[in-house]
Amino acid sequence: MKDSELVVDLRGQRIETLNDFWDAVSGPCGLPQWFGRNLDAWSDIIHARDISEVIDSHNVLVVHVDRHGLFEGDCRKGQDLTAIFDGEQNRLLIDPPT
């Protein structure tokens, strides 16, 4: 399964805070119980790999979110999270509001 994308579709979910994001990705990404729930820990998981068997079993991680809450406007924490995705191996796709 190494030549595949893991697509996590969070569109339609209310993601107002980083905790909402961690809650939303924990299951689909197979995050371990001890996951640090912070930006450094997320960066380690998606870039260094060797932490989540689910993410590790795919070449590419694609996360879809709506442009609201954490991903709307000038939300600094949302911008910091967005910056962690490299756009190649790890992609965050922010859909416009409907």
C-alpha atoms as a PDB file:
ATOM      1  CA  MET A   1       0.000   0.000   0.000  1.00  0.00           C
ATOM      2  CA  LYS A   2       3.071   2.278  -0.147  1.00  0.00           C
ATOM      3  CA  ASP A   3       2.041   3.911  -3.452  1.00  0.00           C
ATOM      4  CA  SER A   4      -1.108   5.436  -2.060  1.00  0.00           C
ATOM      5  CA  GLU A   5      -2.594   8.508  -0.434  1.00  0.00           C
ATOM      6  CA  LEU A   6      -4.227   8.599   2.955  1.00  0.00           C
ATOM      7  CA  VAL A   7      -7.097  11.054   2.517  1.00  0.00           C
ATOM      8  CA  VAL A   8      -8.619  12.455   5.699  1.00  0.00           C
ATOM      9  CA  ASP A   9     -11.761  14.423   4.884  1.00  0.00           C
ATOM     10  CA  LEU A  10     -12.687  16.773   7.723  1.00  0.00           C
ATOM     11  CA  ARG A  11     -15.021  18.934   5.656  1.00  0.00           C
ATOM     12  CA  GLY A  12     -18.258  19.568   7.460  1.00  0.00           C
ATOM     13  CA  GLN A  13     -16.662  19.083  10.872  1.00  0.00           C
ATOM     14  CA  ARG A  14     -16.469  21.977  13.307  1.00  0.00           C
ATOM     15  CA  ILE A  15     -12.756  22.694  13.798  1.00  0.00           C
ATOM     16  CA  GLU A  16     -12.391  25.832  15.876  1.00  0.00           C
ATOM     17  CA  THR A  17      -9.253  24.970  17.880  1.00  0.00           C
ATOM     18  CA  LEU A  18      -6.139  22.836  17.628  1.00  0.00           C
ATOM     19  CA  ASN A  19      -7.761  20.405  20.067  1.00  0.00           C
ATOM     20  CA  ASP A  20     -10.670  20.055  17.642  1.00  0.00           C
ATOM     21  CA  PHE A  21      -8.145  19.268  14.895  1.00  0.00           C
ATOM     22  CA  TRP A  22      -6.305  16.679  17.043  1.00  0.00           C
ATOM     23  CA  ASP A  23      -9.632  15.060  17.937  1.00  0.00           C
ATOM     24  CA  ALA A  24     -10.641  14.942  14.261  1.00  0.00           C
ATOM     25  CA  VAL A  25      -7.391  13.433  12.905  1.00  0.00           C
ATOM     26  CA  SER A  26      -6.603  11.043  15.772  1.00  0.00           C
ATOM     27  CA  GLY A  27      -8.780   8.175  14.542  1.00  0.00           C
ATOM     28  CA  PRO A  28      -8.300   8.412  10.773  1.00  0.00           C
ATOM     29  CA  CYS A  29      -4.533   8.923  11.152  1.00  0.00           C
ATOM     30  CA  GLY A  30      -4.098   6.220  13.788  1.00  0.00           C
ATOM     31  CA  LEU A  31      -2.436   8.561  16.274  1.00  0.00           C
ATOM     32  CA  PRO A  32      -1.142   6.776  19.362  1.00  0.00           C
ATOM     33  CA  GLN A  33      -2.637   7.523  22.808  1.00  0.00           C
ATOM     34  CA  TRP A  34       0.604   9.219  23.827  1.00  0.00           C
ATOM     35  CA  PHE A  35       0.490  11.691  20.908  1.00  0.00           C
ATOM     36  CA  GLY A  36       1.561  15.092  22.245  1.00  0.00           C
ATOM     37  CA  ARG A  37      -1.318  17.081  20.670  1.00  0.00           C
ATOM     38  CA  ASN A  38       0.934  19.963  19.679  1.00  0.00           C
ATOM     39  CA  LEU A  39       2.473  21.308  16.479  1.00  0.00           C
ATOM     40  CA  ASP A  40       5.917  19.789  17.102  1.00  0.00           C
ATOM     41  CA  ALA A  41       4.414  16.346  17.665  1.00  0.00           C
ATOM     42  CA  TRP A  42       2.276  16.674  14.504  1.00  0.00           C
ATOM     43  CA  SER A  43       5.341  17.708  12.500  1.00  0.00           C
ATOM     44  CA  ASP A  44       7.214  14.638  13.749  1.00  0.00           C
ATOM     45  CA  ILE A  45       4.341  12.351  12.815  1.00  0.00           C
ATOM     46  CA  ILE A  46       3.893  13.618   9.255  1.00  0.00           C
ATOM     47  CA  HIS A  47       7.528  14.333   8.379  1.00  0.00           C
ATOM     48  CA  ALA A  48       9.708  11.868  10.301  1.00  0.00           C
ATOM     49  CA  ARG A  49       7.058   9.127  10.193  1.00  0.00           C
ATOM     50  CA  ASP A  50       7.707   5.916  12.228  1.00  0.00           C
ATOM     51  CA  ILE A  51       5.015   6.959  14.729  1.00  0.00           C
ATOM     52  CA  SER A  52       1.647   6.130  13.151  1.00  0.00           C
ATOM     53  CA  GLU A  53       1.333   2.837  11.275  1.00  0.00           C
ATOM     54  CA  VAL A  54      -1.649   4.273   9.391  1.00  0.00           C
ATOM     55  CA  ILE A  55       0.244   7.316   8.083  1.00  0.00           C
ATOM     56  CA  ASP A  56       3.420   5.294   7.547  1.00  0.00           C
ATOM     57  CA  SER A  57       1.615   2.842   5.271  1.00  0.00           C
ATOM     58  CA  HIS A  58       0.943   5.617   2.716  1.00  0.00           C
ATOM     59  CA  ASN A  59       3.278   7.781   0.664  1.00  0.00           C
ATOM     60  CA  VAL A  60       1.114  10.876   0.927  1.00  0.00           C
ATOM     61  CA  LEU A  61      -1.174  12.334   3.574  1.00  0.00           C
ATOM     62  CA  VAL A  62      -3.971  14.625   2.319  1.00  0.00           C
ATOM     63  CA  VAL A  63      -6.191  16.434   4.822  1.00  0.00           C
ATOM     64  CA  HIS A  64      -9.279  18.298   3.583  1.00  0.00           C
ATOM     65  CA  VAL A  65     -10.784  21.022   5.791  1.00  0.00           C
ATOM     66  CA  ASP A  66     -13.288  23.829   5.389  1.00  0.00           C
ATOM     67  CA  ARG A  67     -12.187  27.458   5.433  1.00  0.00           C
ATOM     68  CA  HIS A  68     -13.745  28.357   8.769  1.00  0.00           C
ATOM     69  CA  GLY A  69     -12.802  28.337  12.423  1.00  0.00           C
ATOM     70  CA  LEU A  70      -9.146  27.384  12.770  1.00  0.00           C
ATOM     71  CA  PHE A  71      -8.569  27.760   9.020  1.00  0.00           C
ATOM     72  CA  GLU A  72     -10.331  31.070   8.487  1.00  0.00           C
ATOM     73  CA  GLY A  73      -8.760  34.487   8.098  1.00  0.00           C
ATOM     74  CA  ASP A  74      -5.899  35.470  10.343  1.00  0.00           C
ATOM     75  CA  CYS A  75      -6.082  32.680  12.911  1.00  0.00           C
ATOM     76  CA  ARG A  76      -2.428  32.393  13.960  1.00  0.00           C
ATOM     77  CA  LYS A  77      -2.688  28.814  15.237  1.00  0.00           C
ATOM     78  CA  GLY A  78      -4.331  27.760  11.982  1.00  0.00           C
ATOM     79  CA  GLN A  79      -1.563  29.430   9.996  1.00  0.00           C
ATOM     80  CA  ASP A  80       1.079  27.691  12.127  1.00  0.00           C
ATOM     81  CA  LEU A  81      -0.596  24.313  11.553  1.00  0.00           C
ATOM     82  CA  THR A  82      -0.935  24.974   7.824  1.00  0.00           C
ATOM     83  CA  ALA A  83       2.774  25.808   7.581  1.00  0.00           C
ATOM     84  CA  ILE A  84       3.727  22.324   8.825  1.00  0.00           C
ATOM     85  CA  PHE A  85       2.293  20.684   5.710  1.00  0.00           C
ATOM     86  CA  ASP A  86       4.908  20.617   2.918  1.00  0.00           C
ATOM     87  CA  GLY A  87       2.447  20.507   0.018  1.00  0.00           C
ATOM     88  CA  GLU A  88       3.971  17.349  -1.428  1.00  0.00           C
ATOM     89  CA  GLN A  89       4.153  14.386   0.940  1.00  0.00           C
ATOM     90  CA  ASN A  90       1.761  16.106   3.346  1.00  0.00           C
ATOM     91  CA  ARG A  91      -1.018  18.277   1.943  1.00  0.00           C
ATOM     92  CA  LEU A  92      -3.618  20.396   3.654  1.00  0.00           C
ATOM     93  CA  LEU A  93      -6.416  21.376   1.284  1.00  0.00           C
ATOM     94  CA  ILE A  94      -8.591  24.206   2.555  1.00  0.00           C
ATOM     95  CA  ASP A  95     -11.912  24.403   0.734  1.00  0.00           C
ATOM     96  CA  PRO A  96     -13.618  27.754   0.276  1.00  0.00           C
ATOM     97  CA  PRO A  97     -16.798  28.421   2.236  1.00  0.00           C
ATOM     98  CA  THR A  98     -19.968  27.172   0.616  1.00  0.00           C
END
